[in-house]
Amino acid sequence: MDTAARMSKIVKHNGTVYLCGQVGEGEPVADQTRECLSRIDALLEKASSSREHILQAIVWLADINDFAGMNSVWDTWVPQGHAPARACGETKLARPDLKVEIIITAAVKDA
């Protein structure tokens, strides 16, 4: 789904949804996280999944000092009782203006 020459935004296989890394625009990291999670919501819906079906999240921050700012948005976005397995680390992102990138693996609803 949503396949281009370089990558796919969504890959579905055996009841599992894999999303490519999502980023957001804006300042501060909370704004980028909010937009990133909104994009994830849209892709999950398109793939017949939802927040409640997320299995794993990998969060990359350009600066680990933004951990609290990212979590302030993340914690209100994740449905109560449905927190996925998650890893978070610091890395250099594709563009200097990016502060956060999130990669999601989820189950398809009713798969």
N, C-alpha and C. Protein backbone atom coordinates (compact mmCIF):
# COMPACT_ATOMS: atom_id res chain seq x y z
N MET A 1 0.84 -1.19 0.00
CA MET A 1 0.00 0.00 0.00
C MET A 1 0.87 1.24 0.00
N ASP A 2 0.45 2.23 -0.72
CA ASP A 2 1.22 3.49 -0.79
C ASP A 2 2.69 3.21 -1.11
N THR A 3 2.92 2.43 -2.16
CA THR A 3 4.28 2.04 -2.53
C THR A 3 4.85 3.00 -3.56
N ALA A 4 6.09 3.37 -3.33
CA ALA A 4 6.84 4.22 -4.27
C ALA A 4 8.12 3.47 -4.65
N ALA A 5 8.94 4.09 -5.46
CA ALA A 5 10.17 3.45 -5.92
C ALA A 5 11.13 3.13 -4.76
N ARG A 6 11.19 4.01 -3.77
CA ARG A 6 12.16 3.84 -2.68
C ARG A 6 11.61 3.05 -1.51
N MET A 7 10.35 3.27 -1.18
CA MET A 7 9.79 2.61 0.01
C MET A 7 8.28 2.63 -0.03
N SER A 8 7.69 1.87 0.88
CA SER A 8 6.24 1.86 1.05
C SER A 8 5.89 2.54 2.36
N LYS A 9 4.80 3.31 2.37
CA LYS A 9 4.35 3.91 3.63
C LYS A 9 3.72 2.86 4.52
N ILE A 10 3.05 1.88 3.90
CA ILE A 10 2.37 0.81 4.63
C ILE A 10 2.71 -0.52 3.97
N VAL A 11 3.08 -1.50 4.78
CA VAL A 11 3.22 -2.87 4.31
C VAL A 11 2.37 -3.74 5.24
N LYS A 12 1.52 -4.57 4.64
CA LYS A 12 0.70 -5.51 5.40
C LYS A 12 1.13 -6.93 5.05
N HIS A 13 1.31 -7.75 6.10
CA HIS A 13 1.72 -9.13 5.89
C HIS A 13 1.22 -9.98 7.05
N ASN A 14 0.47 -11.02 6.73
CA ASN A 14 -0.01 -11.97 7.74
C ASN A 14 -0.66 -11.29 8.95
N GLY A 15 -1.52 -10.31 8.72
CA GLY A 15 -2.24 -9.67 9.81
C GLY A 15 -1.46 -8.62 10.57
N THR A 16 -0.29 -8.27 10.06
CA THR A 16 0.55 -7.25 10.72
C THR A 16 0.75 -6.08 9.77
N VAL A 17 0.73 -4.88 10.33
CA VAL A 17 0.91 -3.63 9.58
C VAL A 17 2.26 -3.03 9.99
N TYR A 18 3.07 -2.70 9.00
CA TYR A 18 4.35 -2.05 9.22
C TYR A 18 4.28 -0.68 8.59
N LEU A 19 4.51 0.37 9.37
CA LEU A 19 4.52 1.73 8.83
C LEU A 19 5.95 2.22 8.70
N CYS A 20 6.21 2.97 7.64
CA CYS A 20 7.52 3.61 7.52
C CYS A 20 7.60 4.70 8.60
N GLY A 21 8.79 5.17 8.87
CA GLY A 21 8.98 6.21 9.87
C GLY A 21 8.20 7.46 9.52
N GLN A 22 7.52 8.01 10.53
CA GLN A 22 6.71 9.21 10.35
C GLN A 22 7.35 10.37 11.11
N VAL A 23 7.29 11.55 10.50
CA VAL A 23 7.83 12.76 11.10
C VAL A 23 6.76 13.84 11.07
N GLY A 24 7.03 14.93 11.74
CA GLY A 24 6.12 16.07 11.74
C GLY A 24 6.89 17.36 11.51
N GLU A 25 6.14 18.42 11.37
CA GLU A 25 6.74 19.74 11.16
C GLU A 25 6.48 20.59 12.39
N GLY A 26 7.24 21.68 12.52
CA GLY A 26 6.97 22.66 13.56
C GLY A 26 7.98 22.69 14.68
N GLU A 27 7.73 23.55 15.61
CA GLU A 27 8.52 23.75 16.83
C GLU A 27 7.54 23.84 17.97
N PRO A 28 7.79 23.39 19.10
CA PRO A 28 8.89 22.55 19.56
C PRO A 28 8.66 21.08 19.23
N VAL A 29 9.38 20.19 19.91
CA VAL A 29 9.24 18.76 19.65
C VAL A 29 7.81 18.28 19.88
N ALA A 30 7.09 18.87 20.80
CA ALA A 30 5.70 18.47 21.06
C ALA A 30 4.84 18.66 19.81
N ASP A 31 5.03 19.76 19.10
CA ASP A 31 4.27 20.01 17.87
C ASP A 31 4.61 18.99 16.80
N GLN A 32 5.90 18.68 16.64
CA GLN A 32 6.30 17.67 15.66
C GLN A 32 5.74 16.30 16.04
N THR A 33 5.76 15.98 17.32
CA THR A 33 5.23 14.69 17.77
C THR A 33 3.73 14.61 17.49
N ARG A 34 3.01 15.66 17.79
CA ARG A 34 1.56 15.70 17.56
C ARG A 34 1.23 15.45 16.09
N GLU A 35 1.95 16.12 15.19
CA GLU A 35 1.70 15.95 13.75
C GLU A 35 2.12 14.55 13.30
N CYS A 36 3.22 14.06 13.81
CA CYS A 36 3.69 12.71 13.49
C CYS A 36 2.64 11.68 13.88
N LEU A 37 2.09 11.80 15.08
CA LEU A 37 1.09 10.84 15.56
C LEU A 37 -0.22 10.97 14.78
N SER A 38 -0.53 12.15 14.32
CA SER A 38 -1.71 12.33 13.47
C SER A 38 -1.53 11.59 12.14
N ARG A 39 -0.35 11.65 11.60
CA ARG A 39 -0.05 10.92 10.36
C ARG A 39 -0.13 9.41 10.59
N ILE A 40 0.35 8.97 11.74
CA ILE A 40 0.27 7.56 12.08
C ILE A 40 -1.19 7.12 12.18
N ASP A 41 -2.02 7.93 12.82
CA ASP A 41 -3.46 7.62 12.91
C ASP A 41 -4.06 7.41 11.52
N ALA A 42 -3.75 8.30 10.59
CA ALA A 42 -4.30 8.22 9.23
C ALA A 42 -3.82 6.96 8.52
N LEU A 43 -2.55 6.63 8.65
CA LEU A 43 -2.02 5.43 8.01
C LEU A 43 -2.60 4.16 8.63
N LEU A 44 -2.73 4.14 9.94
CA LEU A 44 -3.32 2.97 10.60
C LEU A 44 -4.76 2.76 10.14
N GLU A 45 -5.51 3.82 10.03
CA GLU A 45 -6.90 3.70 9.56
C GLU A 45 -6.94 3.14 8.14
N LYS A 46 -6.07 3.66 7.29
CA LYS A 46 -6.00 3.20 5.90
C LYS A 46 -5.63 1.71 5.83
N ALA A 47 -4.87 1.24 6.81
CA ALA A 47 -4.41 -0.15 6.84
C ALA A 47 -5.33 -1.06 7.67
N SER A 48 -6.50 -0.56 8.04
CA SER A 48 -7.46 -1.33 8.85
C SER A 48 -6.92 -1.68 10.23
N SER A 49 -6.25 -0.71 10.85
CA SER A 49 -5.73 -0.87 12.20
C SER A 49 -6.05 0.38 13.00
N SER A 50 -5.51 0.47 14.21
CA SER A 50 -5.75 1.64 15.07
C SER A 50 -4.71 1.68 16.18
N ARG A 51 -4.75 2.75 16.96
CA ARG A 51 -3.85 2.89 18.11
C ARG A 51 -3.94 1.69 19.06
N GLU A 52 -5.15 1.19 19.24
CA GLU A 52 -5.37 0.08 20.16
C GLU A 52 -4.70 -1.21 19.69
N HIS A 53 -4.28 -1.24 18.44
CA HIS A 53 -3.68 -2.45 17.87
C HIS A 53 -2.16 -2.32 17.65
N ILE A 54 -1.57 -1.23 18.12
CA ILE A 54 -0.12 -1.07 17.96
C ILE A 54 0.61 -2.09 18.84
N LEU A 55 1.55 -2.78 18.23
CA LEU A 55 2.35 -3.79 18.92
C LEU A 55 3.68 -3.21 19.39
N GLN A 56 4.30 -2.40 18.54
CA GLN A 56 5.62 -1.87 18.86
C GLN A 56 5.78 -0.48 18.26
N ALA A 57 6.48 0.38 18.98
CA ALA A 57 6.85 1.71 18.48
C ALA A 57 8.34 1.92 18.71
N ILE A 58 9.00 2.44 17.70
CA ILE A 58 10.39 2.83 17.82
C ILE A 58 10.43 4.34 17.62
N VAL A 59 10.92 5.05 18.62
CA VAL A 59 10.96 6.51 18.59
C VAL A 59 12.41 6.96 18.51
N TRP A 60 12.71 7.75 17.49
CA TRP A 60 14.03 8.34 17.33
C TRP A 60 13.92 9.83 17.61
N LEU A 61 14.77 10.34 18.48
CA LEU A 61 14.86 11.77 18.78
C LEU A 61 16.20 12.30 18.30
N ALA A 62 16.20 13.48 17.70
CA ALA A 62 17.45 14.11 17.30
C ALA A 62 18.26 14.53 18.53
N ASP A 63 17.55 14.84 19.61
CA ASP A 63 18.18 15.26 20.86
C ASP A 63 17.43 14.58 22.01
N ILE A 64 18.07 13.71 22.75
CA ILE A 64 17.42 12.97 23.83
C ILE A 64 16.89 13.90 24.90
N ASN A 65 17.36 15.14 24.93
CA ASN A 65 16.82 16.13 25.87
C ASN A 65 15.36 16.48 25.56
N ASP A 66 14.87 16.09 24.37
CA ASP A 66 13.47 16.30 24.00
C ASP A 66 12.56 15.16 24.46
N PHE A 67 13.10 14.22 25.22
CA PHE A 67 12.35 13.04 25.67
C PHE A 67 11.06 13.43 26.40
N ALA A 68 11.14 14.34 27.34
CA ALA A 68 9.97 14.75 28.12
C ALA A 68 8.94 15.45 27.24
N GLY A 69 9.38 16.31 26.33
CA GLY A 69 8.46 17.01 25.44
C GLY A 69 7.73 16.06 24.51
N MET A 70 8.44 15.07 23.99
CA MET A 70 7.81 14.06 23.14
C MET A 70 6.81 13.24 23.96
N ASN A 71 7.22 12.81 25.15
CA ASN A 71 6.35 12.00 26.00
C ASN A 71 5.10 12.74 26.45
N SER A 72 5.17 14.06 26.57
CA SER A 72 3.99 14.82 26.99
C SER A 72 2.85 14.67 25.99
N VAL A 73 3.19 14.48 24.72
CA VAL A 73 2.19 14.25 23.67
C VAL A 73 1.88 12.75 23.56
N TRP A 74 2.92 11.95 23.54
CA TRP A 74 2.76 10.49 23.42
C TRP A 74 1.82 9.95 24.49
N ASP A 75 2.03 10.35 25.74
CA ASP A 75 1.26 9.80 26.86
C ASP A 75 -0.23 10.09 26.76
N THR A 76 -0.61 11.19 26.13
CA THR A 76 -2.04 11.49 25.97
C THR A 76 -2.61 10.81 24.72
N TRP A 77 -1.75 10.40 23.80
CA TRP A 77 -2.17 9.77 22.54
C TRP A 77 -2.41 8.27 22.69
N VAL A 78 -1.58 7.61 23.49
CA VAL A 78 -1.68 6.16 23.64
C VAL A 78 -2.93 5.82 24.47
N PRO A 79 -3.81 4.96 23.93
CA PRO A 79 -5.02 4.59 24.67
C PRO A 79 -4.70 3.85 25.97
N GLN A 80 -5.42 4.20 27.02
CA GLN A 80 -5.24 3.54 28.32
C GLN A 80 -5.34 2.02 28.15
N GLY A 81 -4.37 1.30 28.68
CA GLY A 81 -4.38 -0.15 28.61
C GLY A 81 -3.87 -0.74 27.31
N HIS A 82 -3.40 0.12 26.39
CA HIS A 82 -2.94 -0.37 25.09
C HIS A 82 -1.54 0.14 24.73
N ALA A 83 -0.73 0.40 25.74
CA ALA A 83 0.63 0.89 25.46
C ALA A 83 1.44 -0.21 24.77
N PRO A 84 2.06 0.12 23.64
CA PRO A 84 2.86 -0.89 22.92
C PRO A 84 4.23 -1.07 23.55
N ALA A 85 4.91 -2.13 23.14
CA ALA A 85 6.33 -2.23 23.45
C ALA A 85 7.00 -1.05 22.74
N ARG A 86 7.93 -0.37 23.42
CA ARG A 86 8.50 0.84 22.82
C ARG A 86 9.98 0.96 23.15
N ALA A 87 10.71 1.45 22.15
CA ALA A 87 12.11 1.82 22.35
C ALA A 87 12.26 3.26 21.94
N CYS A 88 13.15 3.97 22.60
CA CYS A 88 13.40 5.37 22.26
C CYS A 88 14.90 5.63 22.36
N GLY A 89 15.44 6.26 21.32
CA GLY A 89 16.86 6.56 21.32
C GLY A 89 17.15 7.86 20.60
N GLU A 90 18.39 8.26 20.66
CA GLU A 90 18.84 9.49 20.01
C GLU A 90 19.63 9.12 18.76
N THR A 91 19.34 9.82 17.67
CA THR A 91 20.06 9.60 16.43
C THR A 91 19.99 10.86 15.56
N LYS A 92 20.84 10.92 14.59
CA LYS A 92 20.77 11.99 13.60
C LYS A 92 19.65 11.64 12.64
N LEU A 93 18.70 12.54 12.42
CA LEU A 93 17.57 12.30 11.52
C LEU A 93 17.88 12.82 10.12
N ALA A 94 17.00 12.53 9.18
CA ALA A 94 17.25 12.79 7.76
C ALA A 94 17.45 14.27 7.42
N ARG A 95 16.78 15.15 8.16
CA ARG A 95 16.91 16.59 7.92
C ARG A 95 17.21 17.29 9.25
N PRO A 96 17.96 18.37 9.23
CA PRO A 96 18.32 19.04 10.49
C PRO A 96 17.13 19.64 11.25
N ASP A 97 16.02 19.92 10.56
CA ASP A 97 14.86 20.51 11.24
C ASP A 97 13.98 19.46 11.93
N LEU A 98 14.23 18.18 11.67
CA LEU A 98 13.44 17.12 12.29
C LEU A 98 13.91 16.85 13.71
N LYS A 99 12.95 16.69 14.60
CA LYS A 99 13.25 16.42 16.00
C LYS A 99 12.84 15.02 16.44
N VAL A 100 11.85 14.42 15.74
CA VAL A 100 11.33 13.11 16.14
C VAL A 100 10.88 12.32 14.92
N GLU A 101 11.11 11.02 14.95
CA GLU A 101 10.61 10.10 13.94
C GLU A 101 10.10 8.86 14.68
N ILE A 102 8.91 8.38 14.28
CA ILE A 102 8.32 7.23 14.96
C ILE A 102 7.99 6.16 13.94
N ILE A 103 8.38 4.93 14.24
CA ILE A 103 8.15 3.76 13.40
C ILE A 103 7.19 2.85 14.15
N ILE A 104 6.14 2.40 13.48
CA ILE A 104 5.07 1.63 14.12
C ILE A 104 4.89 0.26 13.46
N THR A 105 4.67 -0.75 14.29
CA THR A 105 4.21 -2.06 13.87
C THR A 105 2.89 -2.31 14.62
N ALA A 106 1.87 -2.73 13.89
CA ALA A 106 0.54 -2.92 14.50
C ALA A 106 -0.12 -4.17 13.93
N ALA A 107 -1.13 -4.63 14.63
CA ALA A 107 -1.95 -5.73 14.15
C ALA A 107 -3.13 -5.15 13.35
N VAL A 108 -3.57 -5.88 12.35
CA VAL A 108 -4.77 -5.51 11.62
C VAL A 108 -5.96 -5.82 12.54
N LYS A 109 -6.96 -4.95 12.55
CA LYS A 109 -8.17 -5.21 13.34
C LYS A 109 -8.79 -6.51 12.89
N ASP A 110 -9.22 -7.32 13.85
CA ASP A 110 -9.93 -8.58 13.58
C ASP A 110 -9.18 -9.50 12.65
N ALA A 111 -7.85 -9.49 12.74
CA ALA A 111 -7.07 -10.38 11.87
C ALA A 111 -6.89 -11.73 12.50
